[in-house]
Amino acid sequence: SKMTLEEKIGQLNQYTARWEMTGPAPTGSSEQELLEEIKS
C-alpha cells in the first residue's frame, strides 16, 4: 500500500551482475546505469 506503481514494477525486475561487487564503484555506462537502477 505504500509503494508507487514504479516501485512495484521494480520488484518484478531481475538483472545479472555486471561488475565485481567486491570492487570499486563502476565507471562504465552500462554498469553505472545498473548501479543507479538498484539505488532507485
PDB file of all heavy atoms in Angstrom:
ATOM      1  N   SER A   1       0.818  -1.222   0.000  1.00  0.00           N
ATOM      2  CA  SER A   1       0.000   0.000   0.000  1.00  0.00           C
ATOM      3  C   SER A   1       0.846   1.265   0.000  1.00  0.00           C
ATOM      4  O   SER A   1       0.362   2.345  -0.370  1.00  0.00           O
ATOM      5  CB  SER A   1      -0.945   0.005   1.202  1.00  0.00           C
ATOM      6  OG  SER A   1      -0.213   0.172   2.413  1.00  0.00           O
ATOM      7  N   LYS A   2       2.083   1.171   0.417  1.00  0.00           N
ATOM      8  CA  LYS A   2       2.982   2.328   0.470  1.00  0.00           C
ATOM      9  C   LYS A   2       3.758   2.528  -0.826  1.00  0.00           C
ATOM     10  O   LYS A   2       4.424   3.551  -0.993  1.00  0.00           O
ATOM     11  CB  LYS A   2       3.985   2.159   1.616  1.00  0.00           C
ATOM     12  CG  LYS A   2       3.368   2.082   2.998  1.00  0.00           C
ATOM     13  CD  LYS A   2       4.434   1.809   4.049  1.00  0.00           C
ATOM     14  CE  LYS A   2       3.836   1.682   5.443  1.00  0.00           C
ATOM     15  NZ  LYS A   2       4.882   1.339   6.454  1.00  0.00           N
ATOM     16  N   MET A   3       3.687   1.552  -1.718  1.00  0.00           N
ATOM     17  CA  MET A   3       4.547   1.569  -2.895  1.00  0.00           C
ATOM     18  C   MET A   3       3.894   2.294  -4.064  1.00  0.00           C
ATOM     19  O   MET A   3       2.684   2.188  -4.287  1.00  0.00           O
ATOM     20  CB  MET A   3       4.902   0.128  -3.304  1.00  0.00           C
ATOM     21  CG  MET A   3       5.703  -0.616  -2.247  1.00  0.00           C
ATOM     22  SD  MET A   3       5.907  -2.383  -2.625  1.00  0.00           S
ATOM     23  CE  MET A   3       7.000  -2.296  -4.048  1.00  0.00           C
ATOM     24  N   THR A   4       4.726   3.008  -4.805  1.00  0.00           N
ATOM     25  CA  THR A   4       4.264   3.597  -6.055  1.00  0.00           C
ATOM     26  C   THR A   4       4.208   2.510  -7.122  1.00  0.00           C
ATOM     27  O   THR A   4       4.773   1.415  -6.961  1.00  0.00           O
ATOM     28  CB  THR A   4       5.220   4.699  -6.523  1.00  0.00           C
ATOM     29  OG1 THR A   4       6.492   4.103  -6.841  1.00  0.00           O
ATOM     30  CG2 THR A   4       5.406   5.766  -5.449  1.00  0.00           C
ATOM     31  N   LEU A   5       3.550   2.792  -8.224  1.00  0.00           N
ATOM     32  CA  LEU A   5       3.499   1.833  -9.321  1.00  0.00           C
ATOM     33  C   LEU A   5       4.903   1.510  -9.811  1.00  0.00           C
ATOM     34  O   LEU A   5       5.214   0.343 -10.082  1.00  0.00           O
ATOM     35  CB  LEU A   5       2.645   2.398 -10.465  1.00  0.00           C
ATOM     36  CG  LEU A   5       2.551   1.533 -11.727  1.00  0.00           C
ATOM     37  CD1 LEU A   5       1.974   0.155 -11.409  1.00  0.00           C
ATOM     38  CD2 LEU A   5       1.694   2.230 -12.790  1.00  0.00           C
ATOM     39  N   GLU A   6       5.760   2.525  -9.910  1.00  0.00           N
ATOM     40  CA  GLU A   6       7.130   2.291 -10.367  1.00  0.00           C
ATOM     41  C   GLU A   6       7.885   1.374  -9.409  1.00  0.00           C
ATOM     42  O   GLU A   6       8.661   0.514  -9.844  1.00  0.00           O
ATOM     43  CB  GLU A   6       7.879   3.620 -10.506  1.00  0.00           C
ATOM     44  CG  GLU A   6       7.392   4.502 -11.645  1.00  0.00           C
ATOM     45  CD  GLU A   6       6.267   5.439 -11.215  1.00  0.00           C
ATOM     46  OE1 GLU A   6       5.627   5.156 -10.169  1.00  0.00           O
ATOM     47  OE2 GLU A   6       6.039   6.429 -11.918  1.00  0.00           O
ATOM     48  N   GLU A   7       7.668   1.532  -8.117  1.00  0.00           N
ATOM     49  CA  GLU A   7       8.352   0.678  -7.144  1.00  0.00           C
ATOM     50  C   GLU A   7       7.850  -0.759  -7.219  1.00  0.00           C
ATOM     51  O   GLU A   7       8.631  -1.710  -7.050  1.00  0.00           O
ATOM     52  CB  GLU A   7       8.162   1.247  -5.734  1.00  0.00           C
ATOM     53  CG  GLU A   7       8.987   2.507  -5.495  1.00  0.00           C
ATOM     54  CD  GLU A   7       8.623   3.206  -4.198  1.00  0.00           C
ATOM     55  OE1 GLU A   7       7.451   3.062  -3.734  1.00  0.00           O
ATOM     56  OE2 GLU A   7       9.479   3.912  -3.646  1.00  0.00           O
ATOM     57  N   LYS A   8       6.562  -0.921  -7.452  1.00  0.00           N
ATOM     58  CA  LYS A   8       6.033  -2.280  -7.619  1.00  0.00           C
ATOM     59  C   LYS A   8       6.657  -2.949  -8.841  1.00  0.00           C
ATOM     60  O   LYS A   8       7.063  -4.114  -8.796  1.00  0.00           O
ATOM     61  CB  LYS A   8       4.512  -2.244  -7.772  1.00  0.00           C
ATOM     62  CG  LYS A   8       3.753  -1.747  -6.555  1.00  0.00           C
ATOM     63  CD  LYS A   8       2.277  -1.554  -6.899  1.00  0.00           C
ATOM     64  CE  LYS A   8       1.512  -0.849  -5.805  1.00  0.00           C
ATOM     65  NZ  LYS A   8       0.120  -0.528  -6.217  1.00  0.00           N
ATOM     66  N   ILE A   9       6.726  -2.208  -9.932  1.00  0.00           N
ATOM     67  CA  ILE A   9       7.306  -2.768 -11.155  1.00  0.00           C
ATOM     68  C   ILE A   9       8.779  -3.099 -10.940  1.00  0.00           C
ATOM     69  O   ILE A   9       9.282  -4.111 -11.443  1.00  0.00           O
ATOM     70  CB  ILE A   9       7.121  -1.780 -12.323  1.00  0.00           C
ATOM     71  CG1 ILE A   9       5.632  -1.665 -12.675  1.00  0.00           C
ATOM     72  CG2 ILE A   9       7.921  -2.222 -13.549  1.00  0.00           C
ATOM     73  CD1 ILE A   9       5.308  -0.537 -13.636  1.00  0.00           C
ATOM     74  N   GLY A  10       9.472  -2.291 -10.157  1.00  0.00           N
ATOM     75  CA  GLY A  10      10.877  -2.567  -9.862  1.00  0.00           C
ATOM     76  C   GLY A  10      11.082  -3.911  -9.196  1.00  0.00           C
ATOM     77  O   GLY A  10      12.100  -4.587  -9.420  1.00  0.00           O
ATOM     78  N   GLN A  11      10.117  -4.321  -8.383  1.00  0.00           N
ATOM     79  CA  GLN A  11      10.233  -5.625  -7.722  1.00  0.00           C
ATOM     80  C   GLN A  11      10.140  -6.782  -8.713  1.00  0.00           C
ATOM     81  O   GLN A  11      10.527  -7.907  -8.398  1.00  0.00           O
ATOM     82  CB  GLN A  11       9.145  -5.766  -6.658  1.00  0.00           C
ATOM     83  CG  GLN A  11       9.352  -4.900  -5.441  1.00  0.00           C
ATOM     84  CD  GLN A  11      10.665  -5.191  -4.758  1.00  0.00           C
ATOM     85  OE1 GLN A  11      10.915  -6.319  -4.315  1.00  0.00           O
ATOM     86  NE2 GLN A  11      11.530  -4.195  -4.670  1.00  0.00           N
ATOM     87  N   LEU A  12       9.661  -6.506  -9.904  1.00  0.00           N
ATOM     88  CA  LEU A  12       9.467  -7.553 -10.913  1.00  0.00           C
ATOM     89  C   LEU A  12      10.632  -7.621 -11.892  1.00  0.00           C
ATOM     90  O   LEU A  12      10.546  -8.308 -12.912  1.00  0.00           O
ATOM     91  CB  LEU A  12       8.166  -7.285 -11.689  1.00  0.00           C
ATOM     92  CG  LEU A  12       6.935  -6.918 -10.860  1.00  0.00           C
ATOM     93  CD1 LEU A  12       5.723  -6.777 -11.766  1.00  0.00           C
ATOM     94  CD2 LEU A  12       6.689  -7.940  -9.762  1.00  0.00           C
ATOM     95  N   ASN A  13      11.721  -6.958 -11.560  1.00  0.00           N
ATOM     96  CA  ASN A  13      12.845  -6.794 -12.479  1.00  0.00           C
ATOM     97  C   ASN A  13      14.082  -7.482 -11.926  1.00  0.00           C
ATOM     98  O   ASN A  13      14.505  -7.200 -10.800  1.00  0.00           O
ATOM     99  CB  ASN A  13      13.101  -5.294 -12.672  1.00  0.00           C
ATOM    100  CG  ASN A  13      14.131  -5.013 -13.728  1.00  0.00           C
ATOM    101  OD1 ASN A  13      14.274  -5.774 -14.677  1.00  0.00           O
ATOM    102  ND2 ASN A  13      14.859  -3.917 -13.566  1.00  0.00           N
ATOM    103  N   GLN A  14      14.670  -8.374 -12.705  1.00  0.00           N
ATOM    104  CA  GLN A  14      15.891  -9.071 -12.275  1.00  0.00           C
ATOM    105  C   GLN A  14      16.998  -8.859 -13.303  1.00  0.00           C
ATOM    106  O   GLN A  14      16.798  -9.077 -14.497  1.00  0.00           O
ATOM    107  CB  GLN A  14      15.645 -10.577 -12.109  1.00  0.00           C
ATOM    108  CG  GLN A  14      16.874 -11.320 -11.592  1.00  0.00           C
ATOM    109  CD  GLN A  14      16.668 -12.825 -11.534  1.00  0.00           C
ATOM    110  OE1 GLN A  14      16.440 -13.454 -12.559  1.00  0.00           O
ATOM    111  NE2 GLN A  14      16.734 -13.398 -10.347  1.00  0.00           N
ATOM    112  N   TYR A  15      18.157  -8.463 -12.797  1.00  0.00           N
ATOM    113  CA  TYR A  15      19.333  -8.278 -13.651  1.00  0.00           C
ATOM    114  C   TYR A  15      20.465  -9.169 -13.168  1.00  0.00           C
ATOM    115  O   TYR A  15      20.561  -9.497 -11.973  1.00  0.00           O
ATOM    116  CB  TYR A  15      19.825  -6.829 -13.608  1.00  0.00           C
ATOM    117  CG  TYR A  15      18.951  -5.819 -14.301  1.00  0.00           C
ATOM    118  CD1 TYR A  15      18.774  -4.546 -13.762  1.00  0.00           C
ATOM    119  CD2 TYR A  15      18.307  -6.112 -15.505  1.00  0.00           C
ATOM    120  CE1 TYR A  15      17.983  -3.595 -14.393  1.00  0.00           C
ATOM    121  CE2 TYR A  15      17.513  -5.170 -16.137  1.00  0.00           C
ATOM    122  CZ  TYR A  15      17.350  -3.919 -15.575  1.00  0.00           C
ATOM    123  OH  TYR A  15      16.572  -2.989 -16.205  1.00  0.00           O
ATOM    124  N   THR A  16      21.352  -9.504 -14.085  1.00  0.00           N
ATOM    125  CA  THR A  16      22.576 -10.200 -13.706  1.00  0.00           C
ATOM    126  C   THR A  16      23.627  -9.190 -13.286  1.00  0.00           C
ATOM    127  O   THR A  16      23.566  -8.008 -13.659  1.00  0.00           O
ATOM    128  CB  THR A  16      23.102 -11.059 -14.867  1.00  0.00           C
ATOM    129  OG1 THR A  16      24.174 -11.886 -14.385  1.00  0.00           O
ATOM    130  CG2 THR A  16      23.621 -10.198 -16.010  1.00  0.00           C
ATOM    131  N   ALA A  17      24.596  -9.639 -12.495  1.00  0.00           N
ATOM    132  CA  ALA A  17      25.700  -8.774 -12.079  1.00  0.00           C
ATOM    133  C   ALA A  17      26.516  -8.361 -13.299  1.00  0.00           C
ATOM    134  O   ALA A  17      26.776  -9.179 -14.176  1.00  0.00           O
ATOM    135  CB  ALA A  17      26.592  -9.499 -11.080  1.00  0.00           C
ATOM    136  N   ARG A  18      26.908  -7.092 -13.331  1.00  0.00           N
ATOM    137  CA  ARG A  18      27.702  -6.604 -14.461  1.00  0.00           C
ATOM    138  C   ARG A  18      29.063  -6.089 -14.037  1.00  0.00           C
ATOM    139  O   ARG A  18      29.809  -5.569 -14.845  1.00  0.00           O
ATOM    140  CB  ARG A  18      26.941  -5.484 -15.200  1.00  0.00           C
ATOM    141  CG  ARG A  18      25.670  -5.973 -15.861  1.00  0.00           C
ATOM    142  CD  ARG A  18      24.977  -4.844 -16.613  1.00  0.00           C
ATOM    143  NE  ARG A  18      23.534  -5.067 -16.593  1.00  0.00           N
ATOM    144  CZ  ARG A  18      22.644  -4.100 -16.731  1.00  0.00           C
ATOM    145  NH1 ARG A  18      23.033  -2.854 -16.887  1.00  0.00           N
ATOM    146  NH2 ARG A  18      21.357  -4.374 -16.713  1.00  0.00           N
ATOM    147  N   TRP A  19      29.350  -6.176 -12.753  1.00  0.00           N
ATOM    148  CA  TRP A  19      30.691  -5.817 -12.302  1.00  0.00           C
ATOM    149  C   TRP A  19      31.008  -6.617 -11.048  1.00  0.00           C
ATOM    150  O   TRP A  19      30.139  -7.205 -10.423  1.00  0.00           O
ATOM    151  CB  TRP A  19      30.816  -4.310 -12.047  1.00  0.00           C
ATOM    152  CG  TRP A  19      30.161  -3.808 -10.788  1.00  0.00           C
ATOM    153  CD1 TRP A  19      30.724  -3.704  -9.555  1.00  0.00           C
ATOM    154  CD2 TRP A  19      28.818  -3.334 -10.638  1.00  0.00           C
ATOM    155  NE1 TRP A  19      29.826  -3.202  -8.653  1.00  0.00           N
ATOM    156  CE2 TRP A  19      28.660  -2.948  -9.284  1.00  0.00           C
ATOM    157  CE3 TRP A  19      27.735  -3.171 -11.515  1.00  0.00           C
ATOM    158  CZ2 TRP A  19      27.460  -2.440  -8.792  1.00  0.00           C
ATOM    159  CZ3 TRP A  19      26.551  -2.655 -11.018  1.00  0.00           C
ATOM    160  CH2 TRP A  19      26.418  -2.298  -9.676  1.00  0.00           C
ATOM    161  N   GLU A  20      32.263  -6.647 -10.679  1.00  0.00           N
ATOM    162  CA  GLU A  20      32.695  -7.361  -9.487  1.00  0.00           C
ATOM    163  C   GLU A  20      32.238  -6.577  -8.267  1.00  0.00           C
ATOM    164  O   GLU A  20      32.769  -5.500  -7.972  1.00  0.00           O
ATOM    165  CB  GLU A  20      34.224  -7.518  -9.486  1.00  0.00           C
ATOM    166  CG  GLU A  20      34.787  -8.218  -8.267  1.00  0.00           C
ATOM    167  CD  GLU A  20      34.104  -9.548  -7.976  1.00  0.00           C
ATOM    168  OE1 GLU A  20      34.164 -10.446  -8.829  1.00  0.00           O
ATOM    169  OE2 GLU A  20      33.509  -9.665  -6.882  1.00  0.00           O
ATOM    170  N   MET A  21      31.256  -7.117  -7.576  1.00  0.00           N
ATOM    171  CA  MET A  21      30.622  -6.377  -6.491  1.00  0.00           C
ATOM    172  C   MET A  21      31.570  -6.050  -5.340  1.00  0.00           C
ATOM    173  O   MET A  21      31.298  -5.165  -4.535  1.00  0.00           O
ATOM    174  CB  MET A  21      29.414  -7.164  -5.958  1.00  0.00           C
ATOM    175  CG  MET A  21      28.250  -7.244  -6.937  1.00  0.00           C
ATOM    176  SD  MET A  21      27.466  -5.657  -7.204  1.00  0.00           S
ATOM    177  CE  MET A  21      26.230  -6.108  -8.427  1.00  0.00           C
ATOM    178  N   THR A  22      32.655  -6.794  -5.218  1.00  0.00           N
ATOM    179  CA  THR A  22      33.587  -6.530  -4.128  1.00  0.00           C
ATOM    180  C   THR A  22      34.582  -5.439  -4.477  1.00  0.00           C
ATOM    181  O   THR A  22      35.381  -5.031  -3.638  1.00  0.00           O
ATOM    182  CB  THR A  22      34.351  -7.815  -3.761  1.00  0.00           C
ATOM    183  OG1 THR A  22      35.015  -8.302  -4.938  1.00  0.00           O
ATOM    184  CG2 THR A  22      33.409  -8.864  -3.238  1.00  0.00           C
ATOM    185  N   GLY A  23      34.547  -4.970  -5.722  1.00  0.00           N
ATOM    186  CA  GLY A  23      35.491  -3.944  -6.154  1.00  0.00           C
ATOM    187  C   GLY A  23      34.918  -2.547  -6.013  1.00  0.00           C
ATOM    188  O   GLY A  23      33.869  -2.330  -5.405  1.00  0.00           O
ATOM    189  N   PRO A  24      35.598  -1.572  -6.627  1.00  0.00           N
ATOM    190  CA  PRO A  24      35.147  -0.186  -6.545  1.00  0.00           C
ATOM    191  C   PRO A  24      33.877   0.036  -7.350  1.00  0.00           C
ATOM    192  O   PRO A  24      33.468  -0.813  -8.145  1.00  0.00           O
ATOM    193  CB  PRO A  24      36.325   0.595  -7.138  1.00  0.00           C
ATOM    194  CG  PRO A  24      36.995  -0.383  -8.053  1.00  0.00           C
ATOM    195  CD  PRO A  24      36.846  -1.718  -7.393  1.00  0.00           C
ATOM    196  N   ALA A  25      33.249   1.195  -7.153  1.00  0.00           N
ATOM    197  CA  ALA A  25      32.041   1.545  -7.895  1.00  0.00           C
ATOM    198  C   ALA A  25      32.328   1.548  -9.384  1.00  0.00           C
ATOM    199  O   ALA A  25      33.427   1.917  -9.819  1.00  0.00           O
ATOM    200  CB  ALA A  25      31.539   2.920  -7.454  1.00  0.00           C
ATOM    201  N   PRO A  26      31.388   1.130 -10.202  1.00  0.00           N
ATOM    202  CA  PRO A  26      31.630   1.010 -11.637  1.00  0.00           C
ATOM    203  C   PRO A  26      31.782   2.366 -12.316  1.00  0.00           C
ATOM    204  O   PRO A  26      31.254   3.378 -11.852  1.00  0.00           O
ATOM    205  CB  PRO A  26      30.387   0.286 -12.141  1.00  0.00           C
ATOM    206  CG  PRO A  26      29.329   0.635 -11.146  1.00  0.00           C
ATOM    207  CD  PRO A  26      30.027   0.723  -9.829  1.00  0.00           C
ATOM    208  N   THR A  27      32.489   2.344 -13.436  1.00  0.00           N
ATOM    209  CA  THR A  27      32.687   3.567 -14.216  1.00  0.00           C
ATOM    210  C   THR A  27      32.085   3.454 -15.610  1.00  0.00           C
ATOM    211  O   THR A  27      31.832   4.461 -16.254  1.00  0.00           O
ATOM    212  CB  THR A  27      34.184   3.888 -14.342  1.00  0.00           C
ATOM    213  OG1 THR A  27      34.851   2.753 -14.920  1.00  0.00           O
ATOM    214  CG2 THR A  27      34.785   4.184 -12.980  1.00  0.00           C
ATOM    215  N   GLY A  28      31.870   2.246 -16.114  1.00  0.00           N
ATOM    216  CA  GLY A  28      31.285   2.060 -17.433  1.00  0.00           C
ATOM    217  C   GLY A  28      29.825   2.470 -17.449  1.00  0.00           C
ATOM    218  O   GLY A  28      29.132   2.426 -16.424  1.00  0.00           O
ATOM    219  N   SER A  29      29.329   2.862 -18.617  1.00  0.00           N
ATOM    220  CA  SER A  29      27.956   3.372 -18.712  1.00  0.00           C
ATOM    221  C   SER A  29      26.927   2.319 -18.331  1.00  0.00           C
ATOM    222  O   SER A  29      25.976   2.599 -17.596  1.00  0.00           O
ATOM    223  CB  SER A  29      27.701   3.895 -20.129  1.00  0.00           C
ATOM    224  OG  SER A  29      27.888   2.854 -21.084  1.00  0.00           O
ATOM    225  N   SER A  30      27.092   1.074 -18.831  1.00  0.00           N
ATOM    226  CA  SER A  30      26.130   0.014 -18.529  1.00  0.00           C
ATOM    227  C   SER A  30      26.115  -0.305 -17.038  1.00  0.00           C
ATOM    228  O   SER A  30      25.049  -0.419 -16.426  1.00  0.00           O
ATOM    229  CB  SER A  30      26.470  -1.246 -19.335  1.00  0.00           C
ATOM    230  OG  SER A  30      25.642  -2.317 -18.953  1.00  0.00           O
ATOM    231  N   GLU A  31      27.306  -0.421 -16.463  1.00  0.00           N
ATOM    232  CA  GLU A  31      27.401  -0.722 -15.040  1.00  0.00           C
ATOM    233  C   GLU A  31      26.854   0.423 -14.188  1.00  0.00           C
ATOM    234  O   GLU A  31      26.191   0.204 -13.175  1.00  0.00           O
ATOM    235  CB  GLU A  31      28.862  -1.007 -14.655  1.00  0.00           C
ATOM    236  CG  GLU A  31      29.429  -2.281 -15.235  1.00  0.00           C
ATOM    237  CD  GLU A  31      29.957  -2.090 -16.658  1.00  0.00           C
ATOM    238  OE1 GLU A  31      29.794  -0.983 -17.215  1.00  0.00           O
ATOM    239  OE2 GLU A  31      30.520  -3.052 -17.215  1.00  0.00           O
ATOM    240  N   GLN A  32      27.128   1.644 -14.617  1.00  0.00           N
ATOM    241  CA  GLN A  32      26.651   2.806 -13.873  1.00  0.00           C
ATOM    242  C   GLN A  32      25.130   2.881 -13.905  1.00  0.00           C
ATOM    243  O   GLN A  32      24.485   3.223 -12.907  1.00  0.00           O
ATOM    244  CB  GLN A  32      27.246   4.083 -14.459  1.00  0.00           C
ATOM    245  CG  GLN A  32      27.020   5.322 -13.590  1.00  0.00           C
ATOM    246  CD  GLN A  32      27.739   5.236 -12.255  1.00  0.00           C
ATOM    247  OE1 GLN A  32      28.836   4.706 -12.187  1.00  0.00           O
ATOM    248  NE2 GLN A  32      27.113   5.729 -11.191  1.00  0.00           N
ATOM    249  N   GLU A  33      24.532   2.524 -15.050  1.00  0.00           N
ATOM    250  CA  GLU A  33      23.077   2.508 -15.156  1.00  0.00           C
ATOM    251  C   GLU A  33      22.474   1.503 -14.178  1.00  0.00           C
ATOM    252  O   GLU A  33      21.475   1.778 -13.514  1.00  0.00           O
ATOM    253  CB  GLU A  33      22.664   2.171 -16.586  1.00  0.00           C
ATOM    254  CG  GLU A  33      22.890   3.293 -17.589  1.00  0.00           C
ATOM    255  CD  GLU A  33      22.587   2.855 -19.012  1.00  0.00           C
ATOM    256  OE1 GLU A  33      22.065   1.724 -19.181  1.00  0.00           O
ATOM    257  OE2 GLU A  33      22.870   3.619 -19.938  1.00  0.00           O
ATOM    258  N   LEU A  34      23.076   0.318 -14.099  1.00  0.00           N
ATOM    259  CA  LEU A  34      22.577  -0.694 -13.170  1.00  0.00           C
ATOM    260  C   LEU A  34      22.708  -0.208 -11.733  1.00  0.00           C
ATOM    261  O   LEU A  34      21.787  -0.389 -10.919  1.00  0.00           O
ATOM    262  CB  LEU A  34      23.343  -2.012 -13.361  1.00  0.00           C
ATOM    263  CG  LEU A  34      23.020  -3.123 -12.360  1.00  0.00           C
ATOM    264  CD1 LEU A  34      21.537  -3.468 -12.365  1.00  0.00           C
ATOM    265  CD2 LEU A  34      23.852  -4.372 -12.658  1.00  0.00           C
ATOM    266  N   LEU A  35      23.829   0.418 -11.411  1.00  0.00           N
ATOM    267  CA  LEU A  35      24.034   0.943 -10.066  1.00  0.00           C
ATOM    268  C   LEU A  35      22.915   1.912  -9.694  1.00  0.00           C
ATOM    269  O   LEU A  35      22.333   1.824  -8.604  1.00  0.00           O
ATOM    270  CB  LEU A  35      25.393   1.642  -9.995  1.00  0.00           C
ATOM    271  CG  LEU A  35      25.740   2.331  -8.665  1.00  0.00           C
ATOM    272  CD1 LEU A  35      25.902   1.306  -7.562  1.00  0.00           C
ATOM    273  CD2 LEU A  35      27.010   3.164  -8.812  1.00  0.00           C
ATOM    274  N   GLU A  36      22.592   2.809 -10.611  1.00  0.00           N
ATOM    275  CA  GLU A  36      21.552   3.793 -10.332  1.00  0.00           C
ATOM    276  C   GLU A  36      20.174   3.148 -10.253  1.00  0.00           C
ATOM    277  O   GLU A  36      19.323   3.571  -9.455  1.00  0.00           O
ATOM    278  CB  GLU A  36      21.577   4.884 -11.404  1.00  0.00           C
ATOM    279  CG  GLU A  36      22.828   5.747 -11.392  1.00  0.00           C
ATOM    280  CD  GLU A  36      23.100   6.371 -10.032  1.00  0.00           C
ATOM    281  OE1 GLU A  36      22.132   6.851  -9.380  1.00  0.00           O
ATOM    282  OE2 GLU A  36      24.267   6.367  -9.593  1.00  0.00           O
ATOM    283  N   GLU A  37      19.915   2.120 -11.068  1.00  0.00           N
ATOM    284  CA  GLU A  37      18.626   1.435 -11.013  1.00  0.00           C
ATOM    285  C   GLU A  37      18.442   0.720  -9.682  1.00  0.00           C
ATOM    286  O   GLU A  37      17.346   0.721  -9.110  1.00  0.00           O
ATOM    287  CB  GLU A  37      18.510   0.440 -12.174  1.00  0.00           C
ATOM    288  CG  GLU A  37      18.277   1.098 -13.523  1.00  0.00           C
ATOM    289  CD  GLU A  37      17.972   0.085 -14.607  1.00  0.00           C
ATOM    290  OE1 GLU A  37      16.889  -0.522 -14.570  1.00  0.00           O
ATOM    291  OE2 GLU A  37      18.826  -0.100 -15.490  1.00  0.00           O
ATOM    292  N   ILE A  38      19.507   0.108  -9.176  1.00  0.00           N
ATOM    293  CA  ILE A  38      19.421  -0.542  -7.862  1.00  0.00           C
ATOM    294  C   ILE A  38      19.104   0.488  -6.791  1.00  0.00           C
ATOM    295  O   ILE A  38      18.217   0.291  -5.944  1.00  0.00           O
ATOM    296  CB  ILE A  38      20.740  -1.285  -7.533  1.00  0.00           C
ATOM    297  CG1 ILE A  38      20.968  -2.442  -8.500  1.00  0.00           C
ATOM    298  CG2 ILE A  38      20.707  -1.795  -6.091  1.00  0.00           C
ATOM    299  CD1 ILE A  38      22.341  -3.083  -8.368  1.00  0.00           C
ATOM    300  N   LYS A  39      19.805   1.598  -6.818  1.00  0.00           N
ATOM    301  CA  LYS A  39      19.652   2.629  -5.791  1.00  0.00           C
ATOM    302  C   LYS A  39      18.298   3.334  -5.868  1.00  0.00           C
ATOM    303  O   LYS A  39      17.820   3.887  -4.880  1.00  0.00           O
ATOM    304  CB  LYS A  39      20.795   3.643  -5.903  1.00  0.00           C
ATOM    305  CG  LYS A  39      22.148   3.041  -5.537  1.00  0.00           C
ATOM    306  CD  LYS A  39      23.315   3.931  -5.933  1.00  0.00           C
ATOM    307  CE  LYS A  39      23.386   5.183  -5.098  1.00  0.00           C
ATOM    308  NZ  LYS A  39      24.612   5.975  -5.404  1.00  0.00           N
ATOM    309  N   SER A  40      17.674   3.288  -7.042  1.00  0.00           N
ATOM    310  CA  SER A  40      16.384   3.960  -7.198  1.00  0.00           C
ATOM    311  C   SER A  40      15.197   3.012  -7.055  1.00  0.00           C
ATOM    312  O   SER A  40      14.049   3.410  -7.253  1.00  0.00           O
ATOM    313  CB  SER A  40      16.323   4.651  -8.559  1.00  0.00           C
ATOM    314  OG  SER A  40      16.365   3.688  -9.607  1.00  0.00           O
TER     315      SER A  40
END
